[in-house]
Amino acid sequence: MDNILIIEDDLALSNGIVLALKDNNTAFVQAHSIAAAKEQIKAAVFDLVILDINLPDGNGLELLTAIRKSTAVPVIILTANDLETDIVTGFELGADDYITKPFSLIVLRARVGVQLKKVRQRIADTVQLGAFSFSFDKMEFYKNGNSVELSKTEQKLLRILIENRGNTVSRSDLVDRIWTDGAEYVDENALSVTIKRLRDKLEDNPSSPRYIKTVYGIGYTWVLK
């Protein structure tokens, strides 16, 4: 499921964007200020950010700069600032697209689709990380050239960690994104068990992991090497 963060202080516009993009495979989080957006970014992992520049508590470009220090999540700027210098600055600071108001919701939907497709393609290709080679598209996983068999749940967990390597993913977010089969209750130990099994298969010393690190009180991260 795609998780989109909308940072827009115009509540009617924010709700309109949700209605325009809504489908069964997309979840939305709406933030109406920079402070609220920062809290959401700390709490969850997003596949796309739609960002207004003119926010009540600051400039969205400053938030974009902060986002780019920790993640490569696609960011679409959605703003009334339509000068060429504004657009150029947005791209130079790391925006993936720049849409000026007023805009067509149909066009926005198409551009959002392009960015989400890039995200899927990025992780569909083979990922080479030191001794590891992961092909999520082909479901082939290797360590030091040796094949590693992973369950579907372990693959989901590994994919999220690799997509967000270098960043901490909270336990609650991992549970929400791994167990998406509509189950009303997931045993709180299910994630811990899956983490342990994945470490047993990928780590040289599972009891002292080098790659899948626990960030106590928050969640887990794949450490950049």
Protein backbone atom coordinates (compact mmCIF):
# COMPACT_ATOMS: atom_id res chain seq x y z
CA MET A 1 0.00 0.00 0.00
CA ASP A 2 1.28 3.47 -0.92
CA ASN A 3 1.48 5.96 1.95
CA ILE A 4 1.21 9.64 0.97
CA LEU A 5 1.85 12.64 3.23
CA ILE A 6 0.01 15.83 2.20
CA ILE A 7 1.42 19.02 3.76
CA GLU A 8 -1.09 21.74 2.94
CA ASP A 9 -2.69 24.33 5.25
CA ASP A 10 -5.76 24.82 3.03
CA LEU A 11 -8.04 22.15 4.53
CA ALA A 12 -10.48 22.13 1.63
CA LEU A 13 -7.68 21.71 -0.91
CA SER A 14 -6.01 19.00 1.19
CA ASN A 15 -9.29 17.07 1.40
CA GLY A 16 -9.83 17.57 -2.33
CA ILE A 17 -6.42 16.06 -3.09
CA VAL A 18 -7.27 13.03 -0.97
CA LEU A 19 -10.56 12.54 -2.83
CA ALA A 20 -8.82 12.91 -6.20
CA LEU A 21 -6.09 10.38 -5.41
CA LYS A 22 -8.04 7.96 -3.23
CA ASP A 23 -8.08 4.27 -4.13
CA ASN A 24 -7.90 0.93 -2.34
CA ASN A 25 -4.09 0.85 -2.46
CA THR A 26 -3.34 4.30 -1.07
CA ALA A 27 -3.36 5.70 2.47
CA PHE A 28 -3.12 9.38 3.29
CA VAL A 29 -1.83 11.45 6.19
CA GLN A 30 -2.67 15.17 6.22
CA ALA A 31 -0.52 17.77 7.98
CA HIS A 32 -1.40 21.46 8.00
CA SER A 33 1.87 22.91 9.31
CA ILE A 34 5.60 22.24 9.28
CA ALA A 35 5.53 21.19 12.94
CA ALA A 36 2.78 18.65 12.30
CA ALA A 37 4.56 17.37 9.21
CA LYS A 38 7.80 16.79 11.12
CA GLU A 39 5.94 14.74 13.71
CA GLN A 40 4.36 12.59 11.00
CA ILE A 41 7.70 12.08 9.25
CA LYS A 42 9.22 10.90 12.54
CA ALA A 43 6.35 8.50 13.17
CA ALA A 44 5.93 6.84 9.76
CA VAL A 45 7.51 6.02 6.41
CA PHE A 46 6.00 7.62 3.32
CA ASP A 47 6.18 6.72 -0.36
CA LEU A 48 5.42 10.27 -1.50
CA VAL A 49 5.18 13.77 -0.02
CA ILE A 50 3.01 16.53 -1.51
CA LEU A 51 4.34 19.80 -0.10
CA ASP A 52 3.03 23.36 -0.09
CA ILE A 53 5.67 26.08 0.30
CA ASN A 54 3.66 28.77 2.08
CA LEU A 55 2.77 27.25 5.45
CA PRO A 56 1.60 29.05 8.60
CA ASP A 57 4.71 28.27 10.64
CA GLY A 58 7.44 28.53 8.02
CA ASN A 59 8.70 27.91 4.51
CA GLY A 60 8.12 24.50 2.95
CA LEU A 61 11.47 24.71 1.16
CA GLU A 62 13.22 24.58 4.53
CA LEU A 63 11.27 21.44 5.33
CA LEU A 64 12.25 20.00 1.93
CA THR A 65 15.92 20.61 2.79
CA ALA A 66 15.46 18.78 6.10
CA ILE A 67 13.69 15.88 4.39
CA ARG A 68 16.49 15.49 1.86
CA LYS A 69 19.05 15.09 4.67
CA SER A 70 17.44 11.83 5.77
CA THR A 71 15.43 10.30 2.93
CA ALA A 72 15.04 10.10 -0.83
CA VAL A 73 11.22 9.97 -0.67
CA PRO A 74 9.74 11.67 -3.76
CA VAL A 75 8.48 15.20 -3.05
CA ILE A 76 6.01 17.06 -5.25
CA ILE A 77 5.84 20.78 -4.50
CA LEU A 78 2.33 22.19 -4.86
CA THR A 79 2.33 25.96 -4.55
CA ALA A 80 1.14 29.33 -5.79
CA ASN A 81 4.78 30.44 -6.17
CA ASP A 82 5.08 30.31 -9.96
CA LEU A 83 8.16 32.40 -10.76
CA GLU A 84 10.94 30.65 -12.65
CA THR A 85 13.32 31.34 -9.77
CA ASP A 86 10.90 29.62 -7.37
CA ILE A 87 10.65 26.56 -9.59
CA VAL A 88 14.40 26.33 -10.12
CA THR A 89 15.04 26.67 -6.38
CA GLY A 90 12.56 23.89 -5.66
CA PHE A 91 14.30 21.49 -8.01
CA GLU A 92 17.76 22.49 -6.77
CA LEU A 93 16.71 21.68 -3.19
CA GLY A 94 15.60 18.21 -4.21
CA ALA A 95 11.97 18.38 -5.36
CA ASP A 96 11.00 15.64 -7.83
CA ASP A 97 8.19 17.68 -9.39
CA TYR A 98 6.79 21.20 -9.12
CA ILE A 99 3.13 22.04 -9.72
CA THR A 100 1.77 25.58 -9.53
CA LYS A 101 -1.70 26.59 -8.36
CA PRO A 102 -4.30 26.61 -9.76
CA PHE A 103 -3.86 23.12 -11.14
CA SER A 104 -5.83 20.22 -12.57
CA LEU A 105 -6.53 17.34 -10.20
CA ILE A 106 -6.30 15.00 -13.18
CA VAL A 107 -2.80 16.27 -13.93
CA LEU A 108 -1.84 15.95 -10.26
CA ARG A 109 -3.08 12.36 -10.23
CA ALA A 110 -0.97 11.57 -13.29
CA ARG A 111 2.16 13.14 -11.82
CA VAL A 112 1.66 11.34 -8.52
CA GLY A 113 1.36 8.09 -10.47
CA VAL A 114 4.68 8.78 -12.21
CA GLN A 115 6.50 9.31 -8.91
CA LEU A 116 5.00 6.21 -7.27
CA LYS A 117 5.94 4.14 -10.32
CA LYS A 118 9.54 5.32 -9.97
CA VAL A 119 9.54 4.23 -6.33
CA ARG A 120 8.31 0.75 -7.27
CA GLN A 121 10.82 0.47 -10.11
CA ARG A 122 13.68 1.58 -7.87
CA ILE A 123 13.12 -1.29 -5.48
CA ALA A 124 12.08 -3.76 -8.20
CA ASP A 125 15.56 -3.70 -9.66
CA THR A 126 18.36 -5.66 -8.04
CA VAL A 127 19.84 -3.95 -4.99
CA GLN A 128 23.54 -4.53 -4.37
CA LEU A 129 24.70 -3.88 -0.81
CA GLY A 130 28.16 -5.20 -0.06
CA ALA A 131 27.87 -8.97 0.31
CA PHE A 132 24.14 -8.85 -0.42
CA SER A 133 22.19 -8.94 -3.66
CA PHE A 134 18.41 -8.53 -3.36
CA SER A 135 16.00 -8.79 -6.30
CA PHE A 136 12.52 -8.20 -4.91
CA ASP A 137 10.95 -8.41 -8.36
CA LYS A 138 12.37 -11.90 -8.99
CA MET A 139 12.24 -12.83 -5.28
CA GLU A 140 15.92 -13.83 -5.37
CA PHE A 141 18.16 -13.05 -2.41
CA TYR A 142 21.89 -13.74 -2.08
CA LYS A 143 24.58 -13.34 0.54
CA ASN A 144 28.18 -13.84 -0.59
CA GLY A 145 26.79 -15.45 -3.75
CA ASN A 146 24.78 -18.00 -1.79
CA SER A 147 21.01 -18.10 -2.19
CA VAL A 148 18.93 -17.20 0.88
CA GLU A 149 15.34 -18.40 1.13
CA LEU A 150 12.98 -15.81 2.61
CA SER A 151 9.31 -16.17 3.47
CA LYS A 152 6.83 -13.65 2.05
CA THR A 153 6.66 -11.89 5.41
CA GLU A 154 10.46 -11.74 5.66
CA GLN A 155 10.59 -10.33 2.12
CA LYS A 156 8.10 -7.58 3.03
CA LEU A 157 10.11 -6.67 6.12
CA LEU A 158 13.42 -6.65 4.25
CA ARG A 159 11.98 -4.56 1.43
CA ILE A 160 10.76 -1.84 3.80
CA LEU A 161 14.09 -1.76 5.64
CA ILE A 162 16.07 -1.60 2.39
CA GLU A 163 13.81 1.10 0.92
CA ASN A 164 14.48 3.17 4.03
CA ARG A 165 18.05 2.10 4.76
CA GLY A 166 19.82 4.51 7.04
CA ASN A 167 16.49 5.60 8.57
CA THR A 168 14.58 4.17 11.50
CA VAL A 169 11.19 2.58 10.78
CA SER A 170 8.88 2.40 13.77
CA ARG A 171 7.47 -0.92 14.99
CA SER A 172 3.90 0.28 14.47
CA ASP A 173 4.61 1.32 10.90
CA LEU A 174 6.26 -2.00 10.10
CA VAL A 175 3.30 -3.91 11.52
CA ASP A 176 0.84 -1.80 9.52
CA ARG A 177 2.76 -2.23 6.28
CA ILE A 178 3.62 -5.93 6.59
CA TRP A 179 0.34 -7.34 7.84
CA THR A 180 -2.11 -5.71 5.43
CA ASP A 181 -4.47 -8.66 5.01
CA GLY A 182 -7.25 -7.05 7.03
CA ALA A 183 -6.48 -8.99 10.18
CA GLU A 184 -7.99 -7.21 13.18
CA TYR A 185 -5.29 -8.37 15.55
CA VAL A 186 -1.62 -9.07 15.05
CA ASP A 187 0.31 -10.65 17.91
CA GLU A 188 2.78 -8.07 19.23
CA ASN A 189 5.55 -10.68 19.05
CA ALA A 190 5.02 -11.32 15.32
CA LEU A 191 7.36 -8.52 14.29
CA SER A 192 10.05 -9.50 16.80
CA VAL A 193 9.92 -13.09 15.56
CA THR A 194 10.21 -11.99 11.92
CA ILE A 195 13.13 -9.69 12.75
CA LYS A 196 14.91 -12.58 14.49
CA ARG A 197 14.36 -14.95 11.57
CA LEU A 198 15.64 -12.38 9.09
CA ARG A 199 18.73 -11.73 11.20
CA ASP A 200 19.35 -15.47 11.47
CA LYS A 201 19.43 -15.66 7.67
CA LEU A 202 21.37 -12.49 6.84
CA GLU A 203 23.63 -11.61 9.76
CA ASP A 204 27.04 -13.19 10.39
CA ASN A 205 26.35 -13.00 14.11
CA PRO A 206 22.58 -12.63 14.69
CA SER A 207 23.04 -11.92 18.40
CA SER A 208 25.20 -8.91 17.51
CA PRO A 209 23.71 -7.67 14.23
CA ARG A 210 25.66 -5.37 11.91
CA TYR A 211 22.89 -4.58 9.47
CA ILE A 212 19.42 -4.88 11.04
CA LYS A 213 19.79 -2.74 14.13
CA THR A 214 17.26 -2.17 16.89
CA VAL A 215 16.60 1.46 17.77
CA TYR A 216 15.30 0.94 21.28
CA GLY A 217 11.90 2.35 22.00
CA ILE A 218 11.30 3.18 18.33
CA GLY A 219 11.86 0.39 15.81
CA TYR A 220 14.50 -0.92 13.42
CA THR A 221 16.91 0.29 10.76
CA TRP A 222 19.10 -1.21 8.04
CA VAL A 223 22.47 0.38 8.78
CA LEU A 224 24.28 1.99 5.89
CA LYS A 225 27.73 0.47 5.29
